[in-house]
């Protein structure tokens, strides 16, 4: 059976620099917006500094202050989205146990924990008998009356 192929990203976002420069000439001819560097970067899937360099290669001129501001903006952004995950702070997670409970299953509406206590765990550890299903009496399976 043939393996299903994954959909590729748009061709313009997979281009090399040479291909982008060729396509960029035509893109510049049809561009009507205000923010040419940001638009070029988004259209071709490159960062701001790469977009500025390629646009300069295509003949555009930028003020040195603008290029410095672009550099500061690009330096402040994470290079890849997964860099955000590495820098993320740990979220406070409630412990699954404390001095009273070996396992906290949840909390009541009043905020009190409930679960398996340390004493219950010690009693269960002392019993080396497997659960057979015959440990319950007949009355354990009757529905509650009322």
C-alpha atoms as a PDB file:
ATOM      1  CA  UNK A   1       0.000   0.000   0.000  1.00  0.00           C
ATOM      2  CA  UNK A   2       1.342   3.419  -0.902  1.00  0.00           C
ATOM      3  CA  UNK A   3       2.339   5.657   1.935  1.00  0.00           C
ATOM      4  CA  UNK A   4       0.338   8.849   2.318  1.00  0.00           C
ATOM      5  CA  UNK A   5       2.516  11.915   1.797  1.00  0.00           C
ATOM      6  CA  UNK A   6       2.256  14.958   4.021  1.00  0.00           C
ATOM      7  CA  UNK A   7       1.224  18.247   2.500  1.00  0.00           C
ATOM      8  CA  UNK A   8       4.148  20.564   1.851  1.00  0.00           C
ATOM      9  CA  UNK A   9       4.328  24.218   2.758  1.00  0.00           C
ATOM     10  CA  UNK A  10       3.884  26.686  -0.116  1.00  0.00           C
ATOM     11  CA  UNK A  11       6.719  26.672  -2.644  1.00  0.00           C
ATOM     12  CA  UNK A  12       7.562  30.313  -1.991  1.00  0.00           C
ATOM     13  CA  UNK A  13       8.389  29.436   1.635  1.00  0.00           C
ATOM     14  CA  UNK A  14      10.741  26.631   0.565  1.00  0.00           C
ATOM     15  CA  UNK A  15      12.770  28.680  -1.924  1.00  0.00           C
ATOM     16  CA  UNK A  16      16.505  29.222  -1.729  1.00  0.00           C
ATOM     17  CA  UNK A  17      17.887  32.758  -1.696  1.00  0.00           C
ATOM     18  CA  UNK A  18      18.503  32.774  -5.458  1.00  0.00           C
ATOM     19  CA  UNK A  19      14.975  31.653  -6.203  1.00  0.00           C
ATOM     20  CA  UNK A  20      13.570  34.210  -3.755  1.00  0.00           C
ATOM     21  CA  UNK A  21      15.533  36.997  -5.450  1.00  0.00           C
ATOM     22  CA  UNK A  22      14.166  36.020  -8.860  1.00  0.00           C
ATOM     23  CA  UNK A  23      10.626  35.765  -7.542  1.00  0.00           C
ATOM     24  CA  UNK A  24      11.126  38.865  -5.383  1.00  0.00           C
ATOM     25  CA  UNK A  25      11.609  41.083  -8.454  1.00  0.00           C
ATOM     26  CA  UNK A  26       8.126  40.182  -9.642  1.00  0.00           C
ATOM     27  CA  UNK A  27       6.721  40.420  -6.115  1.00  0.00           C
ATOM     28  CA  UNK A  28       8.102  43.971  -5.717  1.00  0.00           C
ATOM     29  CA  UNK A  29       6.473  45.004  -8.992  1.00  0.00           C
ATOM     30  CA  UNK A  30       3.044  44.023  -7.697  1.00  0.00           C
ATOM     31  CA  UNK A  31       3.489  45.115  -4.058  1.00  0.00           C
ATOM     32  CA  UNK A  32       1.191  47.957  -2.993  1.00  0.00           C
ATOM     33  CA  UNK A  33       1.497  47.968   0.805  1.00  0.00           C
ATOM     34  CA  UNK A  34       3.452  50.157   3.201  1.00  0.00           C
ATOM     35  CA  UNK A  35       5.683  47.768   5.164  1.00  0.00           C
ATOM     36  CA  UNK A  36       7.760  46.194   2.438  1.00  0.00           C
ATOM     37  CA  UNK A  37      10.302  44.420   4.683  1.00  0.00           C
ATOM     38  CA  UNK A  38       7.707  42.831   6.957  1.00  0.00           C
ATOM     39  CA  UNK A  39       5.520  41.837   4.006  1.00  0.00           C
ATOM     40  CA  UNK A  40       8.473  40.292   2.146  1.00  0.00           C
ATOM     41  CA  UNK A  41       9.481  38.388   5.287  1.00  0.00           C
ATOM     42  CA  UNK A  42       5.985  36.982   5.773  1.00  0.00           C
ATOM     43  CA  UNK A  43       5.429  36.174   2.107  1.00  0.00           C
ATOM     44  CA  UNK A  44       8.666  34.240   1.689  1.00  0.00           C
ATOM     45  CA  UNK A  45       8.919  32.896   5.247  1.00  0.00           C
ATOM     46  CA  UNK A  46      12.222  34.528   6.220  1.00  0.00           C
ATOM     47  CA  UNK A  47      13.239  36.689   9.179  1.00  0.00           C
ATOM     48  CA  UNK A  48      13.311  40.491   9.033  1.00  0.00           C
ATOM     49  CA  UNK A  49      17.074  40.853   8.608  1.00  0.00           C
ATOM     50  CA  UNK A  50      17.145  38.347   5.745  1.00  0.00           C
ATOM     51  CA  UNK A  51      14.262  40.180   4.090  1.00  0.00           C
ATOM     52  CA  UNK A  52      16.078  43.524   4.416  1.00  0.00           C
ATOM     53  CA  UNK A  53      19.310  42.100   2.934  1.00  0.00           C
ATOM     54  CA  UNK A  54      17.472  40.558   0.000  1.00  0.00           C
ATOM     55  CA  UNK A  55      15.512  43.731  -0.673  1.00  0.00           C
ATOM     56  CA  UNK A  56      18.769  45.703  -0.633  1.00  0.00           C
ATOM     57  CA  UNK A  57      20.149  43.212  -3.167  1.00  0.00           C
ATOM     58  CA  UNK A  58      17.080  43.906  -5.304  1.00  0.00           C
ATOM     59  CA  UNK A  59      17.888  47.629  -5.254  1.00  0.00           C
ATOM     60  CA  UNK A  60      15.935  49.092  -2.352  1.00  0.00           C
ATOM     61  CA  UNK A  61      17.647  51.570  -0.030  1.00  0.00           C
ATOM     62  CA  UNK A  62      16.990  51.793   3.726  1.00  0.00           C
ATOM     63  CA  UNK A  63      18.161  54.298   6.317  1.00  0.00           C
ATOM     64  CA  UNK A  64      20.833  52.912   8.698  1.00  0.00           C
ATOM     65  CA  UNK A  65      18.592  53.748  11.668  1.00  0.00           C
ATOM     66  CA  UNK A  66      15.811  51.618  10.197  1.00  0.00           C
ATOM     67  CA  UNK A  67      18.172  48.674   9.736  1.00  0.00           C
ATOM     68  CA  UNK A  68      19.404  49.037  13.344  1.00  0.00           C
ATOM     69  CA  UNK A  69      15.801  49.063  14.581  1.00  0.00           C
ATOM     70  CA  UNK A  70      15.092  45.945  12.512  1.00  0.00           C
ATOM     71  CA  UNK A  71      18.122  44.258  14.075  1.00  0.00           C
ATOM     72  CA  UNK A  72      16.885  45.052  17.581  1.00  0.00           C
ATOM     73  CA  UNK A  73      13.402  43.776  16.712  1.00  0.00           C
ATOM     74  CA  UNK A  74      14.756  40.568  15.186  1.00  0.00           C
ATOM     75  CA  UNK A  75      17.066  39.981  18.160  1.00  0.00           C
ATOM     76  CA  UNK A  76      14.146  40.292  20.579  1.00  0.00           C
ATOM     77  CA  UNK A  77      12.091  37.646  18.787  1.00  0.00           C
ATOM     78  CA  UNK A  78      12.718  33.945  19.367  1.00  0.00           C
ATOM     79  CA  UNK A  79      14.300  32.277  16.358  1.00  0.00           C
ATOM     80  CA  UNK A  80      11.999  29.281  16.489  1.00  0.00           C
ATOM     81  CA  UNK A  81       8.733  28.669  18.285  1.00  0.00           C
ATOM     82  CA  UNK A  82      10.256  25.810  20.248  1.00  0.00           C
ATOM     83  CA  UNK A  83      12.641  28.326  21.871  1.00  0.00           C
ATOM     84  CA  UNK A  84       9.576  29.754  23.630  1.00  0.00           C
ATOM     85  CA  UNK A  85       8.861  26.357  25.161  1.00  0.00           C
ATOM     86  CA  UNK A  86      12.412  26.081  26.509  1.00  0.00           C
ATOM     87  CA  UNK A  87      12.201  29.500  28.141  1.00  0.00           C
ATOM     88  CA  UNK A  88       8.735  28.950  29.597  1.00  0.00           C
ATOM     89  CA  UNK A  89       8.494  28.940  33.357  1.00  0.00           C
ATOM     90  CA  UNK A  90       7.221  25.867  35.152  1.00  0.00           C
ATOM     91  CA  UNK A  91       3.599  26.057  36.174  1.00  0.00           C
ATOM     92  CA  UNK A  92       2.760  25.458  39.816  1.00  0.00           C
ATOM     93  CA  UNK A  93       1.297  21.976  39.934  1.00  0.00           C
ATOM     94  CA  UNK A  94      -0.331  20.610  43.038  1.00  0.00           C
ATOM     95  CA  UNK A  95       1.586  17.705  44.507  1.00  0.00           C
ATOM     96  CA  UNK A  96       0.073  14.268  44.093  1.00  0.00           C
ATOM     97  CA  UNK A  97       0.881  13.445  47.736  1.00  0.00           C
ATOM     98  CA  UNK A  98       1.533  15.114  51.094  1.00  0.00           C
ATOM     99  CA  UNK A  99       2.179  14.094  54.696  1.00  0.00           C
ATOM    100  CA  UNK A 100      -1.384  12.715  55.097  1.00  0.00           C
ATOM    101  CA  UNK A 101      -2.130  11.239  51.677  1.00  0.00           C
ATOM    102  CA  UNK A 102       0.013   8.912  49.545  1.00  0.00           C
ATOM    103  CA  UNK A 103      -2.154   9.795  46.538  1.00  0.00           C
ATOM    104  CA  UNK A 104      -4.446  12.804  46.321  1.00  0.00           C
ATOM    105  CA  UNK A 105      -7.352  11.924  44.033  1.00  0.00           C
ATOM    106  CA  UNK A 106      -8.979  15.346  44.217  1.00  0.00           C
ATOM    107  CA  UNK A 107     -10.358  18.041  46.459  1.00  0.00           C
ATOM    108  CA  UNK A 108     -13.778  18.632  47.943  1.00  0.00           C
ATOM    109  CA  UNK A 109     -15.776  21.779  47.288  1.00  0.00           C
ATOM    110  CA  UNK A 110     -14.341  23.182  50.519  1.00  0.00           C
ATOM    111  CA  UNK A 111     -10.811  22.555  49.237  1.00  0.00           C
ATOM    112  CA  UNK A 112      -9.975  19.561  51.429  1.00  0.00           C
ATOM    113  CA  UNK A 113      -7.972  16.772  49.757  1.00  0.00           C
ATOM    114  CA  UNK A 114      -9.201  13.202  49.524  1.00  0.00           C
ATOM    115  CA  UNK A 115      -7.501  10.044  48.328  1.00  0.00           C
ATOM    116  CA  UNK A 116      -5.411   7.131  49.632  1.00  0.00           C
ATOM    117  CA  UNK A 117      -3.709   7.706  53.000  1.00  0.00           C
ATOM    118  CA  UNK A 118      -0.250   6.454  53.915  1.00  0.00           C
ATOM    119  CA  UNK A 119      -1.779   4.051  56.458  1.00  0.00           C
ATOM    120  CA  UNK A 120      -3.992   2.493  53.778  1.00  0.00           C
ATOM    121  CA  UNK A 121      -0.966   2.013  51.545  1.00  0.00           C
ATOM    122  CA  UNK A 122       0.963   0.307  54.349  1.00  0.00           C
ATOM    123  CA  UNK A 123      -1.975  -2.026  55.013  1.00  0.00           C
ATOM    124  CA  UNK A 124      -2.274  -2.834  51.321  1.00  0.00           C
ATOM    125  CA  UNK A 125       1.476  -3.457  51.020  1.00  0.00           C
ATOM    126  CA  UNK A 126       1.277  -5.928  53.911  1.00  0.00           C
ATOM    127  CA  UNK A 127      -1.317  -7.968  52.029  1.00  0.00           C
ATOM    128  CA  UNK A 128       0.286 -10.000  49.294  1.00  0.00           C
ATOM    129  CA  UNK A 129      -3.014 -11.448  48.173  1.00  0.00           C
ATOM    130  CA  UNK A 130      -4.134 -10.619  44.645  1.00  0.00           C
ATOM    131  CA  UNK A 131      -7.594  -9.204  44.039  1.00  0.00           C
ATOM    132  CA  UNK A 132      -9.888 -11.984  42.884  1.00  0.00           C
ATOM    133  CA  UNK A 133     -13.214 -10.212  42.645  1.00  0.00           C
ATOM    134  CA  UNK A 134     -14.658 -12.455  45.381  1.00  0.00           C
ATOM    135  CA  UNK A 135     -13.592 -10.017  48.100  1.00  0.00           C
ATOM    136  CA  UNK A 136     -16.980  -8.303  48.131  1.00  0.00           C
ATOM    137  CA  UNK A 137     -20.092  -9.556  49.825  1.00  0.00           C
ATOM    138  CA  UNK A 138     -23.496  -9.854  48.212  1.00  0.00           C
ATOM    139  CA  UNK A 139     -24.673  -6.670  49.979  1.00  0.00           C
ATOM    140  CA  UNK A 140     -21.893  -4.611  48.364  1.00  0.00           C
ATOM    141  CA  UNK A 141     -23.541  -4.806  44.953  1.00  0.00           C
ATOM    142  CA  UNK A 142     -27.088  -3.876  45.913  1.00  0.00           C
ATOM    143  CA  UNK A 143     -28.202  -0.409  44.777  1.00  0.00           C
ATOM    144  CA  UNK A 144     -28.883   2.074  47.563  1.00  0.00           C
ATOM    145  CA  UNK A 145     -32.491   2.347  48.655  1.00  0.00           C
ATOM    146  CA  UNK A 146     -34.237   5.606  48.988  1.00  0.00           C
END
